[in-house]
Amino acid sequence: MRLGSTGGKKSGSDVNPGGPLARSQSVNDVSGEVAQRRSGLSDPFVRGGAVGYEDFYRREVTGLVALARGLCPPAIAEDIAQEAMLVAYRRWPYVRDLEHPEAWVRRTCANMAVSQFRRRLAELRALSRTRSAAATATGPEYEAFWALVRTLPRRQAQVVALHYLYDLSVADVAATLEVSEGSVKVHLSRARESLSRRLGPAGEER
């Protein structure tokens, strides 16, 4: 055991700046700062105040991005997903006690995505009627399909995205949106009918 010059153990303030303990403290400080910057969240998250949130975030965020991509322009889908997770973080004491917190955050994301798309669509129509040439990495037919989905009524678009992107059953979609299964079936049927009228046999827009 090393002793200080005064004959006692070294205090925390006297730790060798280049020693293992100091290096460990530095790593912890940096990792905490990186986590804070990457998440965009406040100190309690970094300190572990939001118990269980980090695991919830990791489980849900990728799926939320996919959901948002089906309901709003792909370029802003990740922002929408992150914003939905931020709302969940701010209300975490409430959200974590829900029976199905994942349904709550998916519904929040779906609502935000549709609202954002409606605003963007109004702005684009005011500026130009020209469709953006940007396509998603999954190909033009996929993009054409979801572009049409985004023009459906709000609830129909949400139901289609949850059913086909998340592969949720009718019952699970109903639970997520807090509506009846019958309502989900009606919206799915209307959405399919509308899409089939506007898409050719090869999935091309008519």
N, C-alpha and C. Protein backbone atom coordinates (compact mmCIF):
# COMPACT_ATOMS: atom_id res chain seq x y z
N MET A 1 0.85 -1.20 0.00
CA MET A 1 0.00 0.00 0.00
C MET A 1 0.88 1.24 0.00
N ARG A 2 0.63 2.14 -0.95
CA ARG A 2 1.44 3.36 -1.02
C ARG A 2 0.86 4.39 -0.08
N LEU A 3 1.78 5.10 0.59
CA LEU A 3 1.37 6.15 1.52
C LEU A 3 1.85 7.48 1.01
N GLY A 4 1.09 8.52 1.33
CA GLY A 4 1.50 9.86 0.93
C GLY A 4 2.61 10.37 1.82
N SER A 5 3.12 11.53 1.51
CA SER A 5 4.24 12.10 2.26
C SER A 5 3.84 12.46 3.67
N THR A 6 2.52 12.59 3.92
CA THR A 6 2.09 12.96 5.26
C THR A 6 1.89 11.73 6.12
N GLY A 7 2.09 10.52 5.50
CA GLY A 7 1.94 9.30 6.28
C GLY A 7 0.56 8.70 6.18
N GLY A 8 -0.38 9.35 5.47
CA GLY A 8 -1.73 8.82 5.33
C GLY A 8 -1.98 8.38 3.91
N LYS A 9 -3.16 7.77 3.66
CA LYS A 9 -3.52 7.38 2.31
C LYS A 9 -3.79 8.60 1.48
N LYS A 10 -3.53 8.47 0.18
CA LYS A 10 -3.80 9.58 -0.71
C LYS A 10 -5.30 9.84 -0.77
N SER A 11 -5.68 11.10 -0.78
CA SER A 11 -7.08 11.47 -0.92
C SER A 11 -7.44 11.43 -2.39
N GLY A 12 -8.77 11.52 -2.69
CA GLY A 12 -9.21 11.50 -4.08
C GLY A 12 -8.62 12.63 -4.86
N SER A 13 -8.38 13.80 -4.20
CA SER A 13 -7.85 14.95 -4.92
C SER A 13 -6.38 14.80 -5.23
N ASP A 14 -5.70 13.81 -4.57
CA ASP A 14 -4.27 13.61 -4.78
C ASP A 14 -3.98 12.44 -5.71
N VAL A 15 -5.04 11.92 -6.39
CA VAL A 15 -4.82 10.77 -7.27
C VAL A 15 -3.90 11.15 -8.40
N ASN A 16 -2.94 10.27 -8.69
CA ASN A 16 -1.99 10.49 -9.78
C ASN A 16 -2.76 10.71 -11.08
N PRO A 17 -2.57 11.88 -11.75
CA PRO A 17 -3.33 12.17 -12.97
C PRO A 17 -3.13 11.13 -14.06
N GLY A 18 -1.98 10.44 -14.03
CA GLY A 18 -1.75 9.45 -15.07
C GLY A 18 -2.04 8.04 -14.63
N GLY A 19 -2.50 7.86 -13.38
CA GLY A 19 -2.71 6.53 -12.84
C GLY A 19 -3.98 5.88 -13.34
N PRO A 20 -4.15 4.59 -13.04
CA PRO A 20 -5.31 3.83 -13.51
C PRO A 20 -6.63 4.41 -13.04
N LEU A 21 -6.70 4.86 -11.77
CA LEU A 21 -7.95 5.39 -11.25
C LEU A 21 -8.35 6.65 -11.98
N ALA A 22 -7.35 7.51 -12.23
CA ALA A 22 -7.63 8.76 -12.94
C ALA A 22 -8.10 8.47 -14.36
N ARG A 23 -7.44 7.51 -15.02
CA ARG A 23 -7.84 7.17 -16.38
C ARG A 23 -9.26 6.62 -16.41
N SER A 24 -9.59 5.80 -15.41
CA SER A 24 -10.94 5.24 -15.34
C SER A 24 -11.98 6.33 -15.16
N GLN A 25 -11.67 7.31 -14.29
CA GLN A 25 -12.59 8.41 -14.08
C GLN A 25 -12.77 9.21 -15.35
N SER A 26 -11.69 9.40 -16.10
CA SER A 26 -11.76 10.17 -17.34
C SER A 26 -12.64 9.46 -18.36
N VAL A 27 -12.48 8.14 -18.48
CA VAL A 27 -13.30 7.38 -19.41
C VAL A 27 -14.77 7.50 -19.06
N ASN A 28 -15.08 7.40 -17.76
CA ASN A 28 -16.47 7.51 -17.34
C ASN A 28 -17.04 8.88 -17.67
N ASP A 29 -16.22 9.92 -17.42
CA ASP A 29 -16.67 11.28 -17.71
C ASP A 29 -16.95 11.47 -19.19
N VAL A 30 -16.02 10.99 -20.03
CA VAL A 30 -16.17 11.15 -21.47
C VAL A 30 -17.36 10.36 -21.98
N SER A 31 -17.51 9.10 -21.52
CA SER A 31 -18.63 8.28 -22.00
C SER A 31 -19.95 8.89 -21.61
N GLY A 32 -20.00 9.48 -20.41
CA GLY A 32 -21.23 10.15 -19.99
C GLY A 32 -21.54 11.34 -20.86
N GLU A 33 -20.50 12.10 -21.22
CA GLU A 33 -20.70 13.27 -22.07
C GLU A 33 -21.14 12.86 -23.47
N VAL A 34 -20.52 11.80 -24.00
CA VAL A 34 -20.90 11.32 -25.33
C VAL A 34 -22.35 10.84 -25.32
N ALA A 35 -22.71 10.10 -24.28
CA ALA A 35 -24.09 9.61 -24.19
C ALA A 35 -25.07 10.76 -24.16
N GLN A 36 -24.70 11.81 -23.42
CA GLN A 36 -25.58 12.96 -23.31
C GLN A 36 -25.73 13.65 -24.65
N ARG A 37 -24.61 13.82 -25.36
CA ARG A 37 -24.67 14.50 -26.65
C ARG A 37 -25.43 13.69 -27.68
N ARG A 38 -25.20 12.37 -27.70
CA ARG A 38 -25.84 11.53 -28.71
C ARG A 38 -27.33 11.42 -28.47
N SER A 39 -27.73 11.39 -27.23
CA SER A 39 -29.15 11.24 -26.95
C SER A 39 -29.88 12.57 -26.99
N GLY A 40 -29.15 13.66 -26.77
CA GLY A 40 -29.79 14.96 -26.73
C GLY A 40 -30.63 15.14 -25.49
N LEU A 41 -30.43 14.29 -24.49
CA LEU A 41 -31.24 14.34 -23.29
C LEU A 41 -30.47 15.01 -22.16
N SER A 42 -31.15 15.23 -21.06
CA SER A 42 -30.56 15.98 -19.98
C SER A 42 -29.85 15.09 -18.97
N ASP A 43 -29.25 15.72 -17.97
CA ASP A 43 -28.38 15.04 -17.02
C ASP A 43 -28.96 13.80 -16.35
N PRO A 44 -30.25 13.80 -15.94
CA PRO A 44 -30.76 12.62 -15.24
C PRO A 44 -30.60 11.34 -16.03
N PHE A 45 -30.70 11.41 -17.37
CA PHE A 45 -30.53 10.21 -18.19
C PHE A 45 -29.11 9.69 -18.06
N VAL A 46 -28.12 10.60 -18.16
CA VAL A 46 -26.72 10.20 -18.07
C VAL A 46 -26.41 9.63 -16.70
N ARG A 47 -27.03 10.20 -15.66
CA ARG A 47 -26.77 9.73 -14.31
C ARG A 47 -27.57 8.48 -13.97
N GLY A 48 -28.44 8.05 -14.88
CA GLY A 48 -29.24 6.86 -14.61
C GLY A 48 -30.54 7.17 -13.90
N GLY A 49 -30.94 8.46 -13.88
CA GLY A 49 -32.17 8.84 -13.20
C GLY A 49 -33.40 8.24 -13.85
N ALA A 50 -33.39 8.10 -15.18
CA ALA A 50 -34.53 7.54 -15.90
C ALA A 50 -34.34 6.03 -15.99
N VAL A 51 -34.61 5.34 -14.92
CA VAL A 51 -34.34 3.90 -14.84
C VAL A 51 -35.15 3.16 -15.90
N GLY A 52 -34.47 2.35 -16.70
CA GLY A 52 -35.12 1.55 -17.71
C GLY A 52 -35.28 2.23 -19.05
N TYR A 53 -35.06 3.53 -19.11
CA TYR A 53 -35.29 4.25 -20.36
C TYR A 53 -34.29 3.86 -21.44
N GLU A 54 -33.03 3.71 -21.08
CA GLU A 54 -32.01 3.43 -22.08
C GLU A 54 -32.30 2.12 -22.82
N ASP A 55 -32.69 1.09 -22.08
CA ASP A 55 -33.03 -0.18 -22.73
C ASP A 55 -34.26 -0.02 -23.61
N PHE A 56 -35.23 0.73 -23.13
CA PHE A 56 -36.45 0.99 -23.91
C PHE A 56 -36.11 1.71 -25.21
N TYR A 57 -35.23 2.69 -25.11
CA TYR A 57 -34.79 3.45 -26.29
C TYR A 57 -34.16 2.52 -27.32
N ARG A 58 -33.24 1.68 -26.86
CA ARG A 58 -32.53 0.79 -27.78
C ARG A 58 -33.48 -0.21 -28.44
N ARG A 59 -34.50 -0.64 -27.71
CA ARG A 59 -35.45 -1.60 -28.27
C ARG A 59 -36.34 -0.96 -29.34
N GLU A 60 -36.74 0.28 -29.12
CA GLU A 60 -37.80 0.87 -29.93
C GLU A 60 -37.35 1.79 -31.05
N VAL A 61 -36.20 2.44 -30.92
CA VAL A 61 -35.90 3.54 -31.84
C VAL A 61 -35.78 3.10 -33.29
N THR A 62 -35.19 1.94 -33.56
CA THR A 62 -35.05 1.50 -34.96
C THR A 62 -36.41 1.27 -35.60
N GLY A 63 -37.30 0.65 -34.87
CA GLY A 63 -38.64 0.42 -35.39
C GLY A 63 -39.40 1.71 -35.61
N LEU A 64 -39.18 2.69 -34.74
CA LEU A 64 -39.84 3.98 -34.89
C LEU A 64 -39.38 4.70 -36.15
N VAL A 65 -38.10 4.58 -36.46
CA VAL A 65 -37.58 5.20 -37.69
C VAL A 65 -38.27 4.58 -38.90
N ALA A 66 -38.41 3.25 -38.90
CA ALA A 66 -39.09 2.57 -40.01
C ALA A 66 -40.55 3.00 -40.11
N LEU A 67 -41.19 3.13 -38.96
CA LEU A 67 -42.58 3.58 -38.94
C LEU A 67 -42.71 4.98 -39.50
N ALA A 68 -41.84 5.88 -39.06
CA ALA A 68 -41.88 7.27 -39.53
C ALA A 68 -41.61 7.36 -41.02
N ARG A 69 -40.73 6.50 -41.53
CA ARG A 69 -40.41 6.52 -42.96
C ARG A 69 -41.64 6.20 -43.82
N GLY A 70 -42.55 5.44 -43.27
CA GLY A 70 -43.76 5.11 -44.00
C GLY A 70 -44.81 6.20 -43.95
N LEU A 71 -44.63 7.16 -43.05
CA LEU A 71 -45.66 8.18 -42.84
C LEU A 71 -45.22 9.60 -43.15
N CYS A 72 -43.92 9.81 -43.33
CA CYS A 72 -43.43 11.15 -43.62
C CYS A 72 -42.19 11.03 -44.52
N PRO A 73 -41.72 12.12 -45.10
CA PRO A 73 -40.54 12.04 -45.97
C PRO A 73 -39.37 11.35 -45.27
N PRO A 74 -38.71 10.41 -45.94
CA PRO A 74 -37.60 9.67 -45.32
C PRO A 74 -36.52 10.57 -44.72
N ALA A 75 -36.31 11.74 -45.31
CA ALA A 75 -35.25 12.63 -44.85
C ALA A 75 -35.46 13.10 -43.42
N ILE A 76 -36.71 13.12 -42.96
CA ILE A 76 -36.98 13.61 -41.60
C ILE A 76 -37.46 12.49 -40.67
N ALA A 77 -37.48 11.26 -41.17
CA ALA A 77 -38.01 10.15 -40.38
C ALA A 77 -37.24 9.93 -39.08
N GLU A 78 -35.92 9.99 -39.16
CA GLU A 78 -35.12 9.76 -37.95
C GLU A 78 -35.36 10.86 -36.92
N ASP A 79 -35.51 12.10 -37.40
CA ASP A 79 -35.78 13.20 -36.48
C ASP A 79 -37.11 12.99 -35.77
N ILE A 80 -38.11 12.53 -36.51
CA ILE A 80 -39.42 12.28 -35.91
C ILE A 80 -39.32 11.19 -34.85
N ALA A 81 -38.59 10.12 -35.17
CA ALA A 81 -38.43 9.02 -34.22
C ALA A 81 -37.72 9.48 -32.95
N GLN A 82 -36.66 10.28 -33.13
CA GLN A 82 -35.92 10.79 -31.97
C GLN A 82 -36.81 11.71 -31.14
N GLU A 83 -37.63 12.51 -31.81
CA GLU A 83 -38.52 13.42 -31.09
C GLU A 83 -39.55 12.64 -30.28
N ALA A 84 -40.06 11.56 -30.85
CA ALA A 84 -41.01 10.73 -30.13
C ALA A 84 -40.36 10.10 -28.89
N MET A 85 -39.11 9.66 -29.04
CA MET A 85 -38.40 9.09 -27.90
C MET A 85 -38.10 10.15 -26.85
N LEU A 86 -37.88 11.37 -27.29
CA LEU A 86 -37.63 12.46 -26.34
C LEU A 86 -38.89 12.77 -25.54
N VAL A 87 -40.04 12.74 -26.21
CA VAL A 87 -41.31 12.94 -25.51
C VAL A 87 -41.50 11.83 -24.48
N ALA A 88 -41.17 10.60 -24.86
CA ALA A 88 -41.27 9.48 -23.92
C ALA A 88 -40.35 9.68 -22.73
N TYR A 89 -39.15 10.18 -22.98
CA TYR A 89 -38.20 10.43 -21.90
C TYR A 89 -38.74 11.47 -20.92
N ARG A 90 -39.28 12.55 -21.47
CA ARG A 90 -39.79 13.63 -20.62
C ARG A 90 -40.97 13.18 -19.76
N ARG A 91 -41.69 12.17 -20.25
CA ARG A 91 -42.84 11.66 -19.51
C ARG A 91 -42.57 10.25 -18.98
N TRP A 92 -41.30 9.92 -18.83
CA TRP A 92 -40.92 8.56 -18.51
C TRP A 92 -41.58 7.99 -17.26
N PRO A 93 -41.69 8.73 -16.15
CA PRO A 93 -42.36 8.15 -14.98
C PRO A 93 -43.77 7.66 -15.30
N TYR A 94 -44.45 8.36 -16.20
CA TYR A 94 -45.79 7.94 -16.63
C TYR A 94 -45.71 6.79 -17.63
N VAL A 95 -44.85 6.95 -18.63
CA VAL A 95 -44.78 5.98 -19.73
C VAL A 95 -44.34 4.61 -19.23
N ARG A 96 -43.34 4.55 -18.37
CA ARG A 96 -42.80 3.25 -17.95
C ARG A 96 -43.80 2.44 -17.14
N ASP A 97 -44.82 3.12 -16.56
CA ASP A 97 -45.81 2.40 -15.77
C ASP A 97 -47.01 1.95 -16.59
N LEU A 98 -47.03 2.30 -17.88
CA LEU A 98 -48.11 1.84 -18.74
C LEU A 98 -48.00 0.34 -18.98
N GLU A 99 -49.13 -0.29 -19.26
CA GLU A 99 -49.10 -1.73 -19.54
C GLU A 99 -48.31 -2.02 -20.82
N HIS A 100 -48.44 -1.11 -21.80
CA HIS A 100 -47.74 -1.29 -23.07
C HIS A 100 -47.07 0.03 -23.47
N PRO A 101 -45.94 0.36 -22.85
CA PRO A 101 -45.26 1.62 -23.19
C PRO A 101 -44.82 1.70 -24.64
N GLU A 102 -44.52 0.53 -25.24
CA GLU A 102 -44.10 0.52 -26.64
C GLU A 102 -45.24 0.97 -27.55
N ALA A 103 -46.47 0.62 -27.20
CA ALA A 103 -47.62 1.05 -28.00
C ALA A 103 -47.79 2.56 -27.89
N TRP A 104 -47.56 3.09 -26.71
CA TRP A 104 -47.69 4.54 -26.50
C TRP A 104 -46.70 5.30 -27.36
N VAL A 105 -45.44 4.88 -27.37
CA VAL A 105 -44.43 5.62 -28.13
C VAL A 105 -44.64 5.44 -29.63
N ARG A 106 -45.12 4.29 -30.07
CA ARG A 106 -45.41 4.10 -31.50
C ARG A 106 -46.57 4.99 -31.94
N ARG A 107 -47.59 5.08 -31.09
CA ARG A 107 -48.72 5.95 -31.41
C ARG A 107 -48.28 7.41 -31.46
N THR A 108 -47.43 7.79 -30.52
CA THR A 108 -46.91 9.15 -30.50
C THR A 108 -46.12 9.44 -31.77
N CYS A 109 -45.27 8.51 -32.15
CA CYS A 109 -44.46 8.67 -33.36
C CYS A 109 -45.35 8.76 -34.60
N ALA A 110 -46.35 7.90 -34.68
CA ALA A 110 -47.25 7.90 -35.84
C ALA A 110 -47.99 9.23 -35.95
N ASN A 111 -48.47 9.74 -34.83
CA ASN A 111 -49.18 11.02 -34.84
C ASN A 111 -48.26 12.16 -35.27
N MET A 112 -47.05 12.16 -34.74
CA MET A 112 -46.09 13.21 -35.07
C MET A 112 -45.70 13.15 -36.55
N ALA A 113 -45.51 11.93 -37.05
CA ALA A 113 -45.09 11.77 -38.45
C ALA A 113 -46.16 12.27 -39.41
N VAL A 114 -47.40 11.90 -39.14
CA VAL A 114 -48.49 12.33 -40.02
C VAL A 114 -48.67 13.84 -39.95
N SER A 115 -48.61 14.40 -38.75
CA SER A 115 -48.75 15.85 -38.61
C SER A 115 -47.64 16.58 -39.36
N GLN A 116 -46.43 16.08 -39.22
CA GLN A 116 -45.29 16.70 -39.89
C GLN A 116 -45.45 16.60 -41.40
N PHE A 117 -45.90 15.44 -41.87
CA PHE A 117 -46.07 15.27 -43.31
C PHE A 117 -47.14 16.21 -43.84
N ARG A 118 -48.25 16.34 -43.12
CA ARG A 118 -49.31 17.24 -43.57
C ARG A 118 -48.79 18.67 -43.70
N ARG A 119 -47.98 19.09 -42.72
CA ARG A 119 -47.41 20.45 -42.79
C ARG A 119 -46.47 20.58 -43.97
N ARG A 120 -45.60 19.59 -44.13
CA ARG A 120 -44.65 19.64 -45.25
C ARG A 120 -45.38 19.63 -46.60
N LEU A 121 -46.42 18.83 -46.69
CA LEU A 121 -47.16 18.72 -47.94
C LEU A 121 -47.80 20.06 -48.31
N ALA A 122 -48.36 20.74 -47.32
CA ALA A 122 -48.97 22.04 -47.58
C ALA A 122 -47.92 23.03 -48.08
N GLU A 123 -46.73 22.98 -47.46
CA GLU A 123 -45.65 23.89 -47.88
C GLU A 123 -45.21 23.58 -49.30
N LEU A 124 -45.05 22.30 -49.61
CA LEU A 124 -44.59 21.91 -50.94
C LEU A 124 -45.61 22.27 -52.02
N ARG A 125 -46.88 22.07 -51.71
CA ARG A 125 -47.91 22.40 -52.69
C ARG A 125 -47.95 23.90 -52.97
N ALA A 126 -47.66 24.67 -51.93
CA ALA A 126 -47.66 26.11 -52.11
C ALA A 126 -46.49 26.56 -52.98
N LEU A 127 -45.39 25.81 -52.92
CA LEU A 127 -44.19 26.18 -53.69
C LEU A 127 -44.16 25.53 -55.07
N SER A 128 -44.53 24.27 -55.13
CA SER A 128 -44.41 23.56 -56.40
C SER A 128 -45.21 22.28 -56.36
N ARG A 129 -45.67 21.83 -57.52
CA ARG A 129 -46.38 20.57 -57.61
C ARG A 129 -45.46 19.44 -58.09
N THR A 130 -44.20 19.78 -58.22
CA THR A 130 -43.25 18.79 -58.71
C THR A 130 -42.86 17.82 -57.61
N ARG A 131 -42.93 16.56 -57.88
CA ARG A 131 -42.58 15.53 -56.90
C ARG A 131 -41.08 15.46 -56.74
N SER A 132 -40.64 15.28 -55.51
CA SER A 132 -39.21 15.16 -55.24
C SER A 132 -38.64 13.96 -55.98
N ALA A 133 -37.44 14.14 -56.54
CA ALA A 133 -36.81 13.04 -57.28
C ALA A 133 -36.09 12.07 -56.36
N ALA A 134 -35.96 12.45 -55.10
CA ALA A 134 -35.24 11.58 -54.18
C ALA A 134 -36.01 10.30 -53.93
N ALA A 135 -35.29 9.20 -53.94
CA ALA A 135 -35.92 7.90 -53.69
C ALA A 135 -35.24 7.23 -52.52
N THR A 136 -35.92 6.35 -51.86
CA THR A 136 -35.34 5.64 -50.73
C THR A 136 -34.39 4.56 -51.23
N ALA A 137 -33.60 4.04 -50.32
CA ALA A 137 -32.61 3.02 -50.68
C ALA A 137 -33.27 1.70 -51.08
N THR A 138 -34.57 1.58 -50.80
CA THR A 138 -35.24 0.31 -51.09
C THR A 138 -35.85 0.27 -52.47
N GLY A 139 -35.70 1.31 -53.26
CA GLY A 139 -36.13 1.24 -54.65
C GLY A 139 -37.34 2.09 -54.96
N PRO A 140 -37.55 2.41 -56.25
CA PRO A 140 -38.60 3.32 -56.67
C PRO A 140 -40.01 2.80 -56.43
N GLU A 141 -40.24 1.49 -56.59
CA GLU A 141 -41.58 0.96 -56.39
C GLU A 141 -42.00 1.08 -54.93
N TYR A 142 -41.05 0.78 -54.05
CA TYR A 142 -41.30 0.91 -52.61
C TYR A 142 -41.62 2.35 -52.26
N GLU A 143 -40.82 3.25 -52.79
CA GLU A 143 -41.02 4.67 -52.52
C GLU A 143 -42.36 5.15 -53.06
N ALA A 144 -42.72 4.69 -54.26
CA ALA A 144 -44.00 5.09 -54.86
C ALA A 144 -45.17 4.63 -53.99
N PHE A 145 -45.06 3.42 -53.47
CA PHE A 145 -46.13 2.89 -52.62
C PHE A 145 -46.31 3.75 -51.37
N TRP A 146 -45.19 4.03 -50.67
CA TRP A 146 -45.30 4.78 -49.42
C TRP A 146 -45.62 6.25 -49.67
N ALA A 147 -45.26 6.75 -50.82
CA ALA A 147 -45.66 8.11 -51.16
C ALA A 147 -47.18 8.20 -51.25
N LEU A 148 -47.80 7.16 -51.80
CA LEU A 148 -49.25 7.13 -51.86
C LEU A 148 -49.86 6.92 -50.48
N VAL A 149 -49.23 6.09 -49.67
CA VAL A 149 -49.72 5.88 -48.30
C VAL A 149 -49.78 7.20 -47.55
N ARG A 150 -48.78 8.03 -47.77
CA ARG A 150 -48.73 9.31 -47.06
C ARG A 150 -49.83 10.27 -47.49
N THR A 151 -50.50 9.99 -48.59
CA THR A 151 -51.61 10.84 -49.02
C THR A 151 -52.96 10.33 -48.51
N LEU A 152 -52.96 9.17 -47.89
CA LEU A 152 -54.20 8.63 -47.33
C LEU A 152 -54.64 9.44 -46.13
N PRO A 153 -55.92 9.34 -45.75
CA PRO A 153 -56.36 9.96 -44.50
C PRO A 153 -55.48 9.49 -43.34
N ARG A 154 -55.35 10.32 -42.36
CA ARG A 154 -54.42 10.10 -41.25
C ARG A 154 -54.52 8.69 -40.66
N ARG A 155 -55.71 8.28 -40.26
CA ARG A 155 -55.84 7.00 -39.58
C ARG A 155 -55.54 5.83 -40.52
N GLN A 156 -55.95 5.95 -41.76
CA GLN A 156 -55.64 4.88 -42.72
C GLN A 156 -54.13 4.72 -42.89
N ALA A 157 -53.42 5.83 -43.00
CA ALA A 157 -51.96 5.77 -43.15
C ALA A 157 -51.30 5.13 -41.94
N GLN A 158 -51.78 5.48 -40.75
CA GLN A 158 -51.22 4.91 -39.53
C GLN A 158 -51.44 3.39 -39.47
N VAL A 159 -52.65 2.98 -39.81
CA VAL A 159 -52.99 1.55 -39.77
C VAL A 159 -52.13 0.76 -40.77
N VAL A 160 -51.99 1.28 -41.97
CA VAL A 160 -51.18 0.61 -42.99
C VAL A 160 -49.72 0.49 -42.53
N ALA A 161 -49.17 1.57 -41.99
CA ALA A 161 -47.77 1.56 -41.56
C ALA A 161 -47.54 0.56 -40.42
N LEU A 162 -48.43 0.57 -39.44
CA LEU A 162 -48.27 -0.34 -38.31
C LEU A 162 -48.46 -1.80 -38.74
N HIS A 163 -49.39 -2.03 -39.65
CA HIS A 163 -49.70 -3.40 -40.07
C HIS A 163 -48.60 -3.98 -40.96
N TYR A 164 -48.08 -3.17 -41.88
CA TYR A 164 -47.12 -3.69 -42.86
C TYR A 164 -45.66 -3.45 -42.48
N LEU A 165 -45.36 -2.30 -41.85
CA LEU A 165 -43.98 -2.05 -41.46
C LEU A 165 -43.62 -2.77 -40.17
N TYR A 166 -44.52 -2.70 -39.18
CA TYR A 166 -44.27 -3.36 -37.90
C TYR A 166 -44.74 -4.81 -37.91
N ASP A 167 -45.50 -5.17 -38.95
CA ASP A 167 -46.06 -6.52 -39.05
C ASP A 167 -46.93 -6.84 -37.84
N LEU A 168 -47.69 -5.83 -37.39
CA LEU A 168 -48.59 -6.03 -36.25
C LEU A 168 -49.90 -6.64 -36.73
N SER A 169 -50.48 -7.46 -35.90
CA SER A 169 -51.80 -8.01 -36.19
C SER A 169 -52.85 -6.91 -36.05
N VAL A 170 -54.06 -7.20 -36.53
CA VAL A 170 -55.15 -6.23 -36.38
C VAL A 170 -55.37 -5.90 -34.91
N ALA A 171 -55.31 -6.92 -34.06
CA ALA A 171 -55.51 -6.70 -32.62
C ALA A 171 -54.42 -5.80 -32.05
N ASP A 172 -53.18 -6.02 -32.47
CA ASP A 172 -52.08 -5.22 -31.96
C ASP A 172 -52.14 -3.78 -32.47
N VAL A 173 -52.56 -3.62 -33.72
CA VAL A 173 -52.73 -2.26 -34.25
C VAL A 173 -53.81 -1.53 -33.46
N ALA A 174 -54.89 -2.23 -33.18
CA ALA A 174 -55.99 -1.64 -32.41
C ALA A 174 -55.52 -1.21 -31.02
N ALA A 175 -54.73 -2.07 -30.39
CA ALA A 175 -54.21 -1.74 -29.05
C ALA A 175 -53.26 -0.55 -29.11
N THR A 176 -52.43 -0.49 -30.15
CA THR A 176 -51.47 0.60 -30.29
C THR A 176 -52.17 1.94 -30.47
N LEU A 177 -53.21 1.95 -31.30
CA LEU A 177 -53.91 3.20 -31.61
C LEU A 177 -55.09 3.47 -30.68
N GLU A 178 -55.36 2.51 -29.78
CA GLU A 178 -56.47 2.63 -28.83
C GLU A 178 -57.80 2.80 -29.55
N VAL A 179 -58.02 1.94 -30.54
CA VAL A 179 -59.30 1.91 -31.25
C VAL A 179 -59.76 0.45 -31.30
N SER A 180 -60.97 0.23 -31.79
CA SER A 180 -61.48 -1.14 -31.86
C SER A 180 -60.87 -1.89 -33.04
N GLU A 181 -60.90 -3.22 -32.95
CA GLU A 181 -60.40 -4.03 -34.06
C GLU A 181 -61.25 -3.82 -35.31
N GLY A 182 -62.54 -3.61 -35.11
CA GLY A 182 -63.42 -3.34 -36.24
C GLY A 182 -63.02 -2.08 -36.97
N SER A 183 -62.63 -1.06 -36.20
CA SER A 183 -62.19 0.20 -36.81
C SER A 183 -60.92 -0.01 -37.63
N VAL A 184 -60.00 -0.80 -37.10
CA VAL A 184 -58.76 -1.09 -37.83
C VAL A 184 -59.07 -1.80 -39.14
N LYS A 185 -59.96 -2.78 -39.10
CA LYS A 185 -60.32 -3.52 -40.31
C LYS A 185 -60.94 -2.60 -41.36
N VAL A 186 -61.79 -1.68 -40.92
CA VAL A 186 -62.43 -0.75 -41.85
C VAL A 186 -61.38 0.14 -42.50
N HIS A 187 -60.47 0.69 -41.69
CA HIS A 187 -59.44 1.59 -42.22
C HIS A 187 -58.49 0.84 -43.16
N LEU A 188 -58.14 -0.40 -42.80
CA LEU A 188 -57.28 -1.20 -43.68
C LEU A 188 -57.96 -1.47 -45.02
N SER A 189 -59.23 -1.83 -44.94
CA SER A 189 -59.98 -2.13 -46.16
C SER A 189 -60.06 -0.91 -47.07
N ARG A 190 -60.37 0.24 -46.48
CA ARG A 190 -60.48 1.47 -47.27
C ARG A 190 -59.12 1.86 -47.86
N ALA A 191 -58.07 1.69 -47.06
CA ALA A 191 -56.73 2.03 -47.54
C ALA A 191 -56.33 1.13 -48.71
N ARG A 192 -56.58 -0.17 -48.57
CA ARG A 192 -56.23 -1.11 -49.64
C ARG A 192 -57.00 -0.79 -50.92
N GLU A 193 -58.28 -0.47 -50.75
CA GLU A 193 -59.11 -0.15 -51.92
C GLU A 193 -58.58 1.10 -52.62
N SER A 194 -58.25 2.10 -51.82
CA SER A 194 -57.73 3.35 -52.38
C SER A 194 -56.40 3.13 -53.08
N LEU A 195 -55.52 2.36 -52.45
CA LEU A 195 -54.19 2.11 -53.03
C LEU A 195 -54.29 1.26 -54.29
N SER A 196 -55.18 0.28 -54.28
CA SER A 196 -55.31 -0.59 -55.45
C SER A 196 -55.82 0.18 -56.66
N ARG A 197 -56.67 1.18 -56.42
CA ARG A 197 -57.17 2.00 -57.53
C ARG A 197 -56.07 2.85 -58.14
N ARG A 198 -55.09 3.23 -57.30
CA ARG A 198 -54.07 4.18 -57.74
C ARG A 198 -52.76 3.52 -58.13
N LEU A 199 -52.65 2.23 -57.87
CA LEU A 199 -51.43 1.50 -58.24
C LEU A 199 -51.75 0.51 -59.35
N GLY A 200 -50.86 0.41 -60.30
CA GLY A 200 -51.02 -0.57 -61.36
C GLY A 200 -50.69 -1.96 -60.87
N PRO A 201 -50.84 -2.96 -61.70
CA PRO A 201 -50.56 -4.35 -61.30
C PRO A 201 -49.12 -4.58 -60.88
N ALA A 202 -48.18 -3.77 -61.37
CA ALA A 202 -46.77 -3.94 -61.01
C ALA A 202 -46.35 -3.02 -59.89
N GLY A 203 -47.35 -2.37 -59.26
CA GLY A 203 -47.03 -1.48 -58.16
C GLY A 203 -46.67 -0.09 -58.60
N GLU A 204 -46.93 0.23 -59.90
CA GLU A 204 -46.60 1.56 -60.39
C GLU A 204 -47.83 2.46 -60.29
N GLU A 205 -47.58 3.72 -59.97
CA GLU A 205 -48.68 4.65 -59.81
C GLU A 205 -49.33 4.93 -61.15
N ARG A 206 -50.66 4.93 -61.13
CA ARG A 206 -51.39 5.22 -62.36
C ARG A 206 -51.51 6.72 -62.58
